[in-house]
Amino acid sequence: MASHRNATVEEMWDQNFGQGGWNLRFLRDFNDWELDMIGNLLHVLRDYKPSMEEDSVCWKGGRNGKFRVKEAYRLVTRPNDIVFPSRCIWVDSVPTKVAFYAWEATWGRVLTLDRLQKRG
């Protein structure tokens, strides 16, 4: 339904609109049953304001985003120091059994075929 299907985020963001705003263009008017979906989309988008800074890669294994061999070595030699990704697993919209499976998989506790074969 978008008039520019291959447009980038930068092209849909209008900086000349006050503090900036989304400039979405569609091919046609919406049906009544589509209005709630579009309203939800616009509601979600209003909280997101893209940064005009250049994209960059950031090293999250260290203190200030800069890669250091010493910090990488520490992560390899002491993998237990890695923070458990609880924000990605324990979320409201995920069913409990799926979250529990992801939790077990994160710690390597899922009984996959190779692990079952080792047990006998």
N, C-alpha and C. Protein backbone atom coordinates (compact mmCIF):
# COMPACT_ATOMS: atom_id res chain seq x y z
N MET A 1 0.80 -1.20 0.00
CA MET A 1 0.00 0.00 0.00
C MET A 1 0.85 1.26 0.00
N ALA A 2 2.12 1.13 0.32
CA ALA A 2 2.99 2.30 0.33
C ALA A 2 3.26 2.73 -1.10
N SER A 3 3.27 4.02 -1.33
CA SER A 3 3.51 4.49 -2.69
C SER A 3 4.96 4.30 -3.11
N HIS A 4 5.88 4.28 -2.14
CA HIS A 4 7.29 4.04 -2.43
C HIS A 4 7.73 2.80 -1.66
N ARG A 5 7.56 1.65 -2.27
CA ARG A 5 7.83 0.39 -1.58
C ARG A 5 9.30 0.19 -1.21
N ASN A 6 10.20 0.74 -1.96
CA ASN A 6 11.63 0.55 -1.70
C ASN A 6 12.27 1.75 -1.02
N ALA A 7 11.47 2.60 -0.43
CA ALA A 7 12.00 3.80 0.22
C ALA A 7 12.76 3.43 1.49
N THR A 8 13.74 4.23 1.83
CA THR A 8 14.49 4.03 3.06
C THR A 8 13.83 4.81 4.19
N VAL A 9 14.25 4.53 5.41
CA VAL A 9 13.72 5.25 6.57
C VAL A 9 14.03 6.73 6.43
N GLU A 10 15.23 7.04 5.96
CA GLU A 10 15.64 8.43 5.80
C GLU A 10 14.71 9.18 4.84
N GLU A 11 14.26 8.50 3.80
CA GLU A 11 13.36 9.14 2.83
C GLU A 11 11.97 9.38 3.39
N MET A 12 11.56 8.59 4.36
CA MET A 12 10.22 8.74 4.94
C MET A 12 10.21 9.70 6.12
N TRP A 13 11.37 10.11 6.59
CA TRP A 13 11.48 11.05 7.70
C TRP A 13 11.66 12.45 7.15
N ASP A 14 10.78 13.36 7.55
CA ASP A 14 10.81 14.74 7.07
C ASP A 14 11.35 15.64 8.18
N GLN A 15 12.56 16.14 8.01
CA GLN A 15 13.18 17.00 9.03
C GLN A 15 12.60 18.40 9.05
N ASN A 16 11.95 18.80 8.00
CA ASN A 16 11.38 20.14 7.91
C ASN A 16 10.05 20.25 8.62
N PHE A 17 9.61 19.20 9.24
CA PHE A 17 8.30 19.14 9.88
C PHE A 17 8.47 19.34 11.39
N GLY A 18 8.58 20.58 11.84
CA GLY A 18 8.78 20.86 13.27
C GLY A 18 10.08 20.25 13.76
N GLN A 19 9.98 19.31 14.70
CA GLN A 19 11.15 18.58 15.19
C GLN A 19 11.42 17.35 14.33
N GLY A 20 10.72 17.23 13.25
CA GLY A 20 10.83 16.08 12.38
C GLY A 20 9.58 15.23 12.51
N GLY A 21 9.22 14.55 11.47
CA GLY A 21 8.02 13.70 11.50
C GLY A 21 8.01 12.74 10.34
N TRP A 22 7.19 11.73 10.47
CA TRP A 22 7.07 10.72 9.43
C TRP A 22 6.21 11.25 8.30
N ASN A 23 6.66 11.05 7.09
CA ASN A 23 5.95 11.49 5.90
C ASN A 23 5.61 10.26 5.07
N LEU A 24 4.60 9.53 5.52
CA LEU A 24 4.20 8.29 4.85
C LEU A 24 3.18 8.59 3.76
N ARG A 25 3.38 8.00 2.60
CA ARG A 25 2.45 8.18 1.48
C ARG A 25 1.93 6.81 1.05
N PHE A 26 0.62 6.77 0.82
CA PHE A 26 -0.01 5.51 0.45
C PHE A 26 -0.69 5.64 -0.90
N LEU A 27 -0.91 4.50 -1.56
CA LEU A 27 -1.49 4.50 -2.90
C LEU A 27 -2.99 4.80 -2.91
N ARG A 28 -3.67 4.44 -1.85
CA ARG A 28 -5.13 4.59 -1.83
C ARG A 28 -5.60 4.91 -0.42
N ASP A 29 -6.86 5.29 -0.30
CA ASP A 29 -7.47 5.48 1.00
C ASP A 29 -7.69 4.12 1.65
N PHE A 30 -7.82 4.12 2.95
CA PHE A 30 -7.96 2.86 3.68
C PHE A 30 -9.42 2.48 3.85
N ASN A 31 -9.65 1.16 3.89
CA ASN A 31 -10.98 0.64 4.21
C ASN A 31 -11.20 0.80 5.72
N ASP A 32 -12.46 0.72 6.13
CA ASP A 32 -12.77 0.87 7.56
C ASP A 32 -12.03 -0.15 8.42
N TRP A 33 -11.93 -1.37 7.94
CA TRP A 33 -11.30 -2.43 8.73
C TRP A 33 -9.77 -2.27 8.79
N GLU A 34 -9.18 -1.39 7.98
CA GLU A 34 -7.75 -1.16 8.00
C GLU A 34 -7.34 0.02 8.88
N LEU A 35 -8.30 0.83 9.27
CA LEU A 35 -7.98 2.05 10.01
C LEU A 35 -7.32 1.77 11.36
N ASP A 36 -7.77 0.73 12.06
CA ASP A 36 -7.16 0.40 13.35
C ASP A 36 -5.69 0.00 13.18
N MET A 37 -5.40 -0.78 12.13
CA MET A 37 -4.02 -1.21 11.89
C MET A 37 -3.13 -0.01 11.57
N ILE A 38 -3.61 0.90 10.76
CA ILE A 38 -2.83 2.08 10.41
C ILE A 38 -2.65 2.97 11.64
N GLY A 39 -3.70 3.08 12.44
CA GLY A 39 -3.61 3.85 13.68
C GLY A 39 -2.56 3.28 14.61
N ASN A 40 -2.51 1.94 14.72
CA ASN A 40 -1.50 1.28 15.55
C ASN A 40 -0.10 1.52 15.01
N LEU A 41 0.05 1.46 13.68
CA LEU A 41 1.35 1.71 13.07
C LEU A 41 1.82 3.13 13.38
N LEU A 42 0.96 4.10 13.20
CA LEU A 42 1.33 5.49 13.46
C LEU A 42 1.62 5.72 14.94
N HIS A 43 0.88 5.03 15.81
CA HIS A 43 1.11 5.13 17.25
C HIS A 43 2.50 4.62 17.62
N VAL A 44 2.89 3.49 17.02
CA VAL A 44 4.21 2.92 17.29
C VAL A 44 5.31 3.83 16.72
N LEU A 45 5.09 4.34 15.52
CA LEU A 45 6.11 5.16 14.86
C LEU A 45 6.35 6.50 15.54
N ARG A 46 5.36 7.02 16.22
CA ARG A 46 5.53 8.36 16.80
C ARG A 46 6.61 8.40 17.89
N ASP A 47 6.90 7.25 18.50
CA ASP A 47 7.94 7.20 19.52
C ASP A 47 9.34 7.03 18.94
N TYR A 48 9.44 6.77 17.64
CA TYR A 48 10.74 6.55 17.02
C TYR A 48 11.12 7.74 16.15
N LYS A 49 12.28 8.29 16.48
CA LYS A 49 12.82 9.40 15.71
C LYS A 49 14.22 8.99 15.27
N PRO A 50 14.42 8.77 13.99
CA PRO A 50 15.74 8.31 13.55
C PRO A 50 16.80 9.38 13.76
N SER A 51 17.98 8.93 14.04
CA SER A 51 19.12 9.83 14.20
C SER A 51 19.73 10.06 12.83
N MET A 52 20.18 11.25 12.58
CA MET A 52 20.81 11.56 11.29
C MET A 52 22.32 11.33 11.33
N GLU A 53 22.79 10.73 12.42
CA GLU A 53 24.21 10.41 12.52
C GLU A 53 24.52 9.21 11.63
N GLU A 54 25.76 9.10 11.23
CA GLU A 54 26.20 7.99 10.40
C GLU A 54 26.16 6.70 11.20
N ASP A 55 25.75 5.59 10.59
CA ASP A 55 25.76 4.30 11.26
C ASP A 55 27.19 3.89 11.58
N SER A 56 27.36 3.14 12.65
CA SER A 56 28.68 2.65 13.01
C SER A 56 28.55 1.33 13.75
N VAL A 57 29.64 0.63 13.83
CA VAL A 57 29.69 -0.63 14.56
C VAL A 57 30.25 -0.34 15.94
N CYS A 58 29.62 -0.91 16.95
CA CYS A 58 30.04 -0.65 18.33
C CYS A 58 30.35 -1.98 19.01
N TRP A 59 31.49 -2.06 19.68
CA TRP A 59 31.89 -3.26 20.41
C TRP A 59 31.24 -3.23 21.78
N LYS A 60 30.38 -4.20 22.07
CA LYS A 60 29.68 -4.21 23.35
C LYS A 60 30.38 -5.05 24.41
N GLY A 61 31.53 -5.59 24.06
CA GLY A 61 32.26 -6.40 25.02
C GLY A 61 33.14 -5.59 25.95
N GLY A 62 33.24 -4.31 25.70
CA GLY A 62 34.13 -3.48 26.50
C GLY A 62 33.40 -2.34 27.17
N ARG A 63 34.17 -1.42 27.71
CA ARG A 63 33.60 -0.32 28.48
C ARG A 63 33.06 0.81 27.63
N ASN A 64 33.81 1.26 26.63
CA ASN A 64 33.43 2.47 25.93
C ASN A 64 33.10 2.28 24.45
N GLY A 65 32.82 1.06 24.04
CA GLY A 65 32.46 0.80 22.65
C GLY A 65 33.63 0.61 21.71
N LYS A 66 34.84 0.68 22.21
CA LYS A 66 36.04 0.49 21.40
C LYS A 66 36.58 -0.93 21.63
N PHE A 67 36.96 -1.59 20.54
CA PHE A 67 37.48 -2.96 20.63
C PHE A 67 38.88 -2.95 21.22
N ARG A 68 39.09 -3.84 22.19
CA ARG A 68 40.42 -4.04 22.77
C ARG A 68 40.65 -5.55 22.87
N VAL A 69 41.83 -5.97 22.48
CA VAL A 69 42.16 -7.39 22.49
C VAL A 69 42.07 -7.95 23.90
N LYS A 70 42.51 -7.18 24.88
CA LYS A 70 42.48 -7.64 26.27
C LYS A 70 41.05 -7.98 26.71
N GLU A 71 40.08 -7.13 26.35
CA GLU A 71 38.69 -7.39 26.72
C GLU A 71 38.13 -8.58 25.96
N ALA A 72 38.50 -8.72 24.69
CA ALA A 72 38.04 -9.88 23.90
C ALA A 72 38.61 -11.16 24.48
N TYR A 73 39.88 -11.15 24.87
CA TYR A 73 40.51 -12.32 25.49
C TYR A 73 39.81 -12.69 26.79
N ARG A 74 39.47 -11.70 27.58
CA ARG A 74 38.77 -11.95 28.85
C ARG A 74 37.41 -12.61 28.58
N LEU A 75 36.70 -12.17 27.54
CA LEU A 75 35.42 -12.78 27.21
C LEU A 75 35.57 -14.23 26.77
N VAL A 76 36.66 -14.53 26.07
CA VAL A 76 36.89 -15.90 25.59
C VAL A 76 37.30 -16.81 26.74
N THR A 77 38.16 -16.31 27.62
CA THR A 77 38.67 -17.16 28.70
C THR A 77 37.70 -17.31 29.85
N ARG A 78 36.83 -16.33 30.05
CA ARG A 78 35.83 -16.39 31.13
C ARG A 78 34.44 -16.12 30.56
N PRO A 79 33.86 -17.08 29.84
CA PRO A 79 32.57 -16.85 29.20
C PRO A 79 31.41 -16.66 30.18
N ASN A 80 31.58 -17.06 31.44
CA ASN A 80 30.50 -16.93 32.42
C ASN A 80 30.26 -15.49 32.83
N ASP A 81 31.19 -14.60 32.48
CA ASP A 81 31.03 -13.19 32.82
C ASP A 81 30.02 -12.49 31.89
N ILE A 82 29.61 -13.18 30.83
CA ILE A 82 28.67 -12.59 29.88
C ILE A 82 27.31 -12.46 30.56
N VAL A 83 26.69 -11.33 30.40
CA VAL A 83 25.40 -11.05 31.04
C VAL A 83 24.30 -11.87 30.36
N PHE A 84 23.48 -12.50 31.18
CA PHE A 84 22.36 -13.29 30.65
C PHE A 84 21.35 -12.37 29.96
N PRO A 85 20.88 -12.73 28.74
CA PRO A 85 19.98 -11.86 27.98
C PRO A 85 18.52 -11.95 28.43
N SER A 86 18.25 -11.64 29.67
CA SER A 86 16.89 -11.82 30.21
C SER A 86 15.88 -10.88 29.55
N ARG A 87 16.29 -9.69 29.12
CA ARG A 87 15.35 -8.77 28.47
C ARG A 87 14.82 -9.32 27.16
N CYS A 88 15.62 -10.16 26.51
CA CYS A 88 15.19 -10.73 25.22
C CYS A 88 14.32 -11.96 25.40
N ILE A 89 14.41 -12.60 26.55
CA ILE A 89 13.70 -13.86 26.76
C ILE A 89 12.44 -13.68 27.58
N TRP A 90 12.53 -13.03 28.72
CA TRP A 90 11.38 -12.91 29.62
C TRP A 90 10.59 -11.64 29.29
N VAL A 91 9.78 -11.73 28.25
CA VAL A 91 8.93 -10.61 27.83
C VAL A 91 7.47 -11.04 27.90
N ASP A 92 6.58 -10.08 28.05
CA ASP A 92 5.15 -10.38 28.24
C ASP A 92 4.50 -11.06 27.05
N SER A 93 4.90 -10.70 25.84
CA SER A 93 4.19 -11.20 24.66
C SER A 93 4.61 -12.61 24.25
N VAL A 94 5.59 -13.20 24.94
CA VAL A 94 6.05 -14.54 24.60
C VAL A 94 5.43 -15.54 25.57
N PRO A 95 4.86 -16.65 25.05
CA PRO A 95 4.29 -17.67 25.94
C PRO A 95 5.37 -18.23 26.87
N THR A 96 4.97 -18.60 28.07
CA THR A 96 5.90 -19.05 29.10
C THR A 96 6.72 -20.24 28.64
N LYS A 97 6.11 -21.22 27.97
CA LYS A 97 6.87 -22.40 27.57
C LYS A 97 7.91 -22.07 26.50
N VAL A 98 7.65 -21.08 25.65
CA VAL A 98 8.63 -20.65 24.66
C VAL A 98 9.78 -19.91 25.34
N ALA A 99 9.45 -19.04 26.29
CA ALA A 99 10.48 -18.31 27.03
C ALA A 99 11.36 -19.28 27.82
N PHE A 100 10.75 -20.29 28.44
CA PHE A 100 11.52 -21.26 29.21
C PHE A 100 12.45 -22.05 28.30
N TYR A 101 11.97 -22.43 27.11
CA TYR A 101 12.82 -23.14 26.15
C TYR A 101 13.99 -22.25 25.73
N ALA A 102 13.74 -20.98 25.46
CA ALA A 102 14.82 -20.06 25.07
C ALA A 102 15.82 -19.91 26.21
N TRP A 103 15.32 -19.87 27.43
CA TRP A 103 16.19 -19.76 28.60
C TRP A 103 17.10 -20.99 28.70
N GLU A 104 16.52 -22.19 28.53
CA GLU A 104 17.32 -23.41 28.57
C GLU A 104 18.34 -23.44 27.43
N ALA A 105 17.91 -23.02 26.24
CA ALA A 105 18.80 -23.02 25.08
C ALA A 105 19.96 -22.06 25.28
N THR A 106 19.71 -20.94 25.91
CA THR A 106 20.77 -19.96 26.17
C THR A 106 21.86 -20.55 27.05
N TRP A 107 21.50 -21.34 28.01
CA TRP A 107 22.48 -21.95 28.91
C TRP A 107 22.98 -23.31 28.40
N GLY A 108 22.54 -23.72 27.21
CA GLY A 108 23.00 -24.99 26.65
C GLY A 108 22.42 -26.20 27.33
N ARG A 109 21.21 -26.10 27.85
CA ARG A 109 20.58 -27.19 28.60
C ARG A 109 19.49 -27.92 27.81
N VAL A 110 19.29 -27.56 26.55
CA VAL A 110 18.27 -28.24 25.74
C VAL A 110 18.80 -29.60 25.32
N LEU A 111 17.99 -30.62 25.50
CA LEU A 111 18.41 -31.97 25.15
C LEU A 111 18.26 -32.20 23.66
N THR A 112 19.27 -31.79 22.91
CA THR A 112 19.28 -32.02 21.47
C THR A 112 19.71 -33.45 21.21
N LEU A 113 19.62 -33.88 19.99
CA LEU A 113 19.91 -35.27 19.65
C LEU A 113 21.33 -35.65 20.06
N ASP A 114 22.31 -34.80 19.83
CA ASP A 114 23.68 -35.16 20.20
C ASP A 114 23.84 -35.28 21.72
N ARG A 115 23.15 -34.44 22.47
CA ARG A 115 23.22 -34.52 23.94
C ARG A 115 22.50 -35.76 24.45
N LEU A 116 21.38 -36.12 23.82
CA LEU A 116 20.67 -37.35 24.21
C LEU A 116 21.51 -38.58 23.93
N GLN A 117 22.25 -38.58 22.80
CA GLN A 117 23.10 -39.71 22.47
C GLN A 117 24.24 -39.87 23.46
N LYS A 118 24.76 -38.75 23.95
CA LYS A 118 25.83 -38.83 24.95
C LYS A 118 25.33 -39.43 26.26
N ARG A 119 24.05 -39.15 26.58
CA ARG A 119 23.46 -39.70 27.82
C ARG A 119 23.19 -41.20 27.70
N GLY A 120 23.00 -41.66 26.47
CA GLY A 120 22.76 -43.09 26.27
C GLY A 120 21.37 -43.39 26.05
